[in-house]
C-alpha cells in the first residue's frame, strides 16, 4: 500500500527582530488564535499578505502582535508552522539570535 503526499521544498520562514519604533506587521483584524505546540500555547495571527505570524510572548499575557512591546516575530505559511518554529527557538534562544543576526 502506498501513500500519496506533497513534498515541500521551499518553505519560507521569516524571523524578525525590530526596534520599538520600527513598523509593525500588518495583521488581519480579529485573526488571533492561540496554537498549542508541545503543551504550550503560542499566539498567532493572520498576516495581511496571507501568511501567519507568531510572536515572542506566552499566550496568556501577550500584547497584540502590532503593539510597541512586541518586537520579535516568526512568519510562516501556516499558523502551526509559525508557532512550532517559535517553540523551537524558545528551546534554544541562541539559534534565534543567530537567525535574527543573519548568521544561519
N, C-alpha and C. Protein backbone atom coordinates (compact mmCIF):
# COMPACT_ATOMS: atom_id res chain seq x y z
N UNK A 1 0.85 -1.16 0.00
CA UNK A 1 0.00 0.00 0.00
C UNK A 1 0.91 1.23 0.00
N UNK A 2 0.62 2.17 -0.87
CA UNK A 2 1.42 3.39 -0.95
C UNK A 2 0.67 4.57 -0.36
N UNK A 3 1.40 5.59 -0.10
CA UNK A 3 0.83 6.81 0.44
C UNK A 3 1.17 7.96 -0.49
N UNK A 4 0.18 8.77 -0.80
CA UNK A 4 0.43 9.96 -1.60
C UNK A 4 0.87 11.09 -0.70
N UNK A 5 1.44 12.09 -1.29
CA UNK A 5 1.84 13.22 -0.47
C UNK A 5 2.41 14.32 -1.33
N UNK A 6 2.71 15.39 -0.69
CA UNK A 6 3.30 16.55 -1.35
C UNK A 6 4.62 16.84 -0.66
N UNK A 7 5.64 17.01 -1.44
CA UNK A 7 6.94 17.37 -0.86
C UNK A 7 7.09 18.88 -0.94
N UNK A 8 7.32 19.49 0.19
CA UNK A 8 7.53 20.94 0.26
C UNK A 8 9.02 21.17 0.32
N UNK A 9 9.54 21.90 -0.65
CA UNK A 9 10.99 22.11 -0.68
C UNK A 9 11.39 23.55 -0.39
N UNK A 10 10.52 24.49 -0.63
CA UNK A 10 10.87 25.89 -0.45
C UNK A 10 9.90 26.58 0.48
N UNK A 11 9.94 26.22 1.74
CA UNK A 11 9.08 26.84 2.73
C UNK A 11 9.83 28.00 3.35
N UNK A 12 9.27 29.19 3.21
CA UNK A 12 9.94 30.37 3.74
C UNK A 12 9.42 30.67 5.14
N UNK A 13 10.36 30.76 6.07
CA UNK A 13 10.06 31.15 7.45
C UNK A 13 10.92 32.37 7.73
N UNK A 14 10.28 33.42 8.21
CA UNK A 14 10.99 34.67 8.46
C UNK A 14 11.01 34.95 9.95
N UNK A 15 12.19 35.28 10.47
CA UNK A 15 12.35 35.68 11.86
C UNK A 15 12.70 37.16 11.85
N UNK A 16 11.94 37.95 12.60
CA UNK A 16 12.14 39.39 12.60
C UNK A 16 12.33 39.90 14.02
N UNK A 17 13.30 40.78 14.18
CA UNK A 17 13.51 41.50 15.44
C UNK A 17 13.49 42.98 15.08
N UNK A 18 12.65 43.74 15.75
CA UNK A 18 12.50 45.16 15.43
C UNK A 18 12.79 46.02 16.65
N UNK A 19 13.20 47.25 16.39
CA UNK A 19 13.30 48.24 17.44
C UNK A 19 11.88 48.71 17.77
N UNK A 20 11.65 49.22 18.97
CA UNK A 20 10.30 49.64 19.34
C UNK A 20 9.64 50.63 18.37
N UNK A 21 10.41 51.44 17.67
CA UNK A 21 9.83 52.43 16.77
C UNK A 21 9.69 51.95 15.32
N UNK A 22 10.17 50.74 15.02
CA UNK A 22 10.05 50.20 13.66
C UNK A 22 8.59 49.86 13.34
N UNK A 23 8.22 49.82 12.07
CA UNK A 23 6.86 49.44 11.69
C UNK A 23 6.53 48.02 12.15
N UNK A 24 5.28 47.80 12.46
CA UNK A 24 4.81 46.50 12.92
C UNK A 24 4.19 45.73 11.75
N UNK A 25 4.12 44.41 11.86
CA UNK A 25 3.49 43.62 10.80
C UNK A 25 2.01 43.99 10.67
N UNK A 26 1.52 43.93 9.46
CA UNK A 26 0.11 44.20 9.21
C UNK A 26 -0.68 42.90 9.32
N UNK A 27 -1.54 42.83 10.35
CA UNK A 27 -2.32 41.61 10.58
C UNK A 27 -3.80 41.86 10.30
N UNK A 28 -4.49 40.78 9.98
CA UNK A 28 -5.93 40.83 9.76
C UNK A 28 -6.60 40.98 11.11
N UNK A 29 -7.50 41.96 11.24
CA UNK A 29 -8.19 42.20 12.50
C UNK A 29 -8.93 40.98 13.00
N UNK A 30 -8.90 40.77 14.29
CA UNK A 30 -9.61 39.67 14.95
C UNK A 30 -9.19 38.29 14.43
N UNK A 31 -7.95 38.15 13.96
CA UNK A 31 -7.50 36.85 13.45
C UNK A 31 -6.61 36.09 14.43
N UNK A 32 -6.47 36.62 15.65
CA UNK A 32 -5.62 35.94 16.63
C UNK A 32 -6.22 34.60 17.01
N UNK A 33 -5.34 33.62 17.08
CA UNK A 33 -5.71 32.28 17.52
C UNK A 33 -4.49 31.70 18.22
N UNK A 34 -4.65 31.23 19.45
CA UNK A 34 -3.54 30.63 20.17
C UNK A 34 -3.42 29.17 19.74
N UNK A 35 -2.21 28.77 19.40
CA UNK A 35 -1.94 27.44 18.86
C UNK A 35 -1.12 26.65 19.88
N UNK A 36 -1.53 25.42 20.15
CA UNK A 36 -0.82 24.56 21.09
C UNK A 36 0.28 23.78 20.37
N UNK A 37 1.48 23.88 20.93
CA UNK A 37 2.63 23.11 20.44
C UNK A 37 3.31 22.53 21.67
N UNK A 38 3.38 21.22 21.73
CA UNK A 38 4.06 20.54 22.83
C UNK A 38 3.53 21.00 24.19
N UNK A 39 2.21 21.17 24.29
CA UNK A 39 1.58 21.53 25.55
C UNK A 39 1.63 23.00 25.92
N UNK A 40 2.19 23.84 25.08
CA UNK A 40 2.31 25.28 25.34
C UNK A 40 1.51 26.05 24.29
N UNK A 41 0.82 27.12 24.70
CA UNK A 41 0.07 27.95 23.76
C UNK A 41 0.93 29.11 23.27
N UNK A 42 0.87 29.34 21.97
CA UNK A 42 1.60 30.45 21.34
C UNK A 42 0.60 31.30 20.56
N UNK A 43 0.68 32.62 20.71
CA UNK A 43 -0.25 33.48 19.98
C UNK A 43 0.13 33.54 18.49
N UNK A 44 -0.87 33.46 17.63
CA UNK A 44 -0.66 33.60 16.19
C UNK A 44 -1.74 34.53 15.63
N UNK A 45 -1.46 35.09 14.46
CA UNK A 45 -2.45 35.93 13.76
C UNK A 45 -2.18 35.80 12.26
N UNK A 46 -3.19 36.07 11.48
CA UNK A 46 -3.05 36.05 10.03
C UNK A 46 -2.46 37.37 9.56
N UNK A 47 -1.46 37.30 8.71
CA UNK A 47 -0.87 38.49 8.12
C UNK A 47 -1.73 38.98 6.95
N UNK A 48 -1.72 40.25 6.70
CA UNK A 48 -2.49 40.82 5.59
C UNK A 48 -2.08 40.23 4.26
N UNK A 49 -0.82 39.76 4.14
CA UNK A 49 -0.36 39.17 2.88
C UNK A 49 -0.68 37.69 2.74
N UNK A 50 -1.39 37.11 3.73
CA UNK A 50 -1.82 35.72 3.64
C UNK A 50 -1.02 34.74 4.46
N UNK A 51 0.14 35.12 4.97
CA UNK A 51 0.90 34.22 5.83
C UNK A 51 0.39 34.28 7.25
N UNK A 52 1.16 33.72 8.17
CA UNK A 52 0.78 33.72 9.58
C UNK A 52 1.96 34.12 10.43
N UNK A 53 1.66 34.66 11.57
CA UNK A 53 2.65 35.24 12.46
C UNK A 53 2.50 34.65 13.85
N UNK A 54 3.62 34.33 14.48
CA UNK A 54 3.64 34.00 15.91
C UNK A 54 4.60 34.99 16.53
N UNK A 55 4.31 35.42 17.74
CA UNK A 55 5.19 36.43 18.35
C UNK A 55 5.65 36.00 19.71
N UNK A 56 6.76 36.60 20.14
CA UNK A 56 7.55 36.17 21.27
C UNK A 56 6.94 36.56 22.60
N UNK A 57 5.79 36.00 22.90
CA UNK A 57 5.13 36.15 24.20
C UNK A 57 4.35 34.88 24.48
N UNK A 58 4.16 34.58 25.75
CA UNK A 58 3.25 33.50 26.10
C UNK A 58 1.84 33.97 25.83
N UNK A 59 0.98 33.07 25.43
CA UNK A 59 -0.38 33.43 25.02
C UNK A 59 -1.16 34.12 26.14
N UNK A 60 -0.97 33.70 27.38
CA UNK A 60 -1.78 34.23 28.49
C UNK A 60 -1.57 35.72 28.73
N UNK A 61 -0.37 36.22 28.48
CA UNK A 61 -0.10 37.63 28.78
C UNK A 61 0.45 38.38 27.55
N UNK A 62 -0.01 37.99 26.40
CA UNK A 62 0.53 38.53 25.16
C UNK A 62 -0.15 39.83 24.73
N UNK A 63 0.64 40.84 24.42
CA UNK A 63 0.07 42.04 23.80
C UNK A 63 -0.28 41.71 22.34
N UNK A 64 -0.91 42.62 21.67
CA UNK A 64 -1.23 42.43 20.26
C UNK A 64 0.06 42.31 19.45
N UNK A 65 0.01 41.63 18.30
CA UNK A 65 1.24 41.46 17.51
C UNK A 65 1.80 42.77 16.98
N UNK A 66 0.95 43.79 16.89
CA UNK A 66 1.42 45.08 16.38
C UNK A 66 1.63 46.12 17.49
N UNK A 67 1.62 45.65 18.76
CA UNK A 67 1.87 46.55 19.89
C UNK A 67 3.35 46.92 19.95
N UNK A 68 3.66 48.08 20.49
CA UNK A 68 5.06 48.51 20.60
C UNK A 68 5.90 47.55 21.44
N UNK A 69 5.29 46.88 22.41
CA UNK A 69 6.02 45.94 23.26
C UNK A 69 6.43 44.68 22.50
N UNK A 70 5.75 44.38 21.41
CA UNK A 70 6.05 43.20 20.62
C UNK A 70 7.13 43.55 19.60
N UNK A 71 8.27 42.88 19.70
CA UNK A 71 9.39 43.23 18.81
C UNK A 71 10.02 42.02 18.13
N UNK A 72 9.52 40.82 18.39
CA UNK A 72 10.09 39.61 17.79
C UNK A 72 8.98 38.71 17.27
N UNK A 73 9.10 38.34 15.97
CA UNK A 73 8.06 37.57 15.31
C UNK A 73 8.66 36.46 14.48
N UNK A 74 7.85 35.42 14.26
CA UNK A 74 8.15 34.39 13.28
C UNK A 74 6.98 34.37 12.32
N UNK A 75 7.26 34.51 11.02
CA UNK A 75 6.23 34.45 9.98
C UNK A 75 6.44 33.18 9.17
N UNK A 76 5.34 32.50 8.86
CA UNK A 76 5.40 31.24 8.11
C UNK A 76 4.10 31.05 7.32
N UNK A 77 4.06 30.07 6.42
CA UNK A 77 2.86 29.85 5.61
C UNK A 77 1.64 29.35 6.39
N UNK A 78 1.85 28.75 7.57
CA UNK A 78 0.73 28.26 8.38
C UNK A 78 0.89 28.70 9.83
N UNK A 79 -0.22 28.75 10.54
CA UNK A 79 -0.18 29.11 11.96
C UNK A 79 0.70 28.14 12.75
N UNK A 80 0.47 26.83 12.49
CA UNK A 80 1.19 25.83 13.26
C UNK A 80 2.69 25.91 12.99
N UNK A 81 3.08 26.11 11.75
CA UNK A 81 4.50 26.22 11.43
C UNK A 81 5.13 27.43 12.10
N UNK A 82 4.42 28.55 12.12
CA UNK A 82 4.92 29.74 12.81
C UNK A 82 5.08 29.47 14.31
N UNK A 83 4.04 28.88 14.92
CA UNK A 83 4.08 28.59 16.36
C UNK A 83 5.13 27.53 16.69
N UNK A 84 5.22 26.48 15.88
CA UNK A 84 6.18 25.42 16.13
C UNK A 84 7.61 25.93 15.98
N UNK A 85 7.84 26.80 15.01
CA UNK A 85 9.17 27.38 14.85
C UNK A 85 9.51 28.24 16.06
N UNK A 86 8.54 29.03 16.51
CA UNK A 86 8.76 29.84 17.72
C UNK A 86 9.09 28.94 18.90
N UNK A 87 8.39 27.83 19.03
CA UNK A 87 8.64 26.87 20.12
C UNK A 87 10.08 26.36 20.06
N UNK A 88 10.54 26.01 18.87
CA UNK A 88 11.91 25.52 18.72
C UNK A 88 12.92 26.61 19.08
N UNK A 89 12.63 27.83 18.70
CA UNK A 89 13.54 28.93 19.02
C UNK A 89 13.55 29.23 20.51
N UNK A 90 12.39 29.06 21.18
CA UNK A 90 12.35 29.24 22.63
C UNK A 90 13.21 28.18 23.31
N UNK A 91 13.23 26.99 22.73
CA UNK A 91 14.00 25.90 23.32
C UNK A 91 15.50 26.19 23.28
N UNK A 92 15.94 26.96 22.28
CA UNK A 92 17.35 27.33 22.16
C UNK A 92 17.44 28.76 21.65
N UNK A 93 17.33 29.75 22.54
CA UNK A 93 17.35 31.16 22.14
C UNK A 93 18.61 31.59 21.38
N UNK A 94 19.71 30.86 21.53
CA UNK A 94 20.91 31.24 20.77
C UNK A 94 20.68 31.06 19.27
N UNK A 95 19.84 30.09 18.89
CA UNK A 95 19.51 29.91 17.48
C UNK A 95 18.71 31.11 16.99
N UNK A 96 17.77 31.59 17.80
CA UNK A 96 17.00 32.78 17.43
C UNK A 96 17.94 33.95 17.18
N UNK A 97 18.89 34.16 18.07
CA UNK A 97 19.84 35.26 17.92
C UNK A 97 20.65 35.11 16.64
N UNK A 98 21.11 33.89 16.33
CA UNK A 98 21.89 33.67 15.11
C UNK A 98 21.05 33.93 13.87
N UNK A 99 19.80 33.47 13.88
CA UNK A 99 18.92 33.70 12.71
C UNK A 99 18.64 35.18 12.55
N UNK A 100 18.30 35.84 13.63
CA UNK A 100 17.97 37.26 13.58
C UNK A 100 19.16 38.10 13.12
N UNK A 101 20.36 37.65 13.43
CA UNK A 101 21.57 38.37 13.01
C UNK A 101 22.07 37.94 11.64
N UNK A 102 21.36 37.01 10.99
CA UNK A 102 21.76 36.53 9.68
C UNK A 102 22.95 35.60 9.69
N UNK A 103 23.19 34.94 10.82
CA UNK A 103 24.35 34.06 10.94
C UNK A 103 24.04 32.61 10.62
N UNK A 104 22.81 32.29 10.28
CA UNK A 104 22.46 30.89 9.99
C UNK A 104 22.18 30.75 8.52
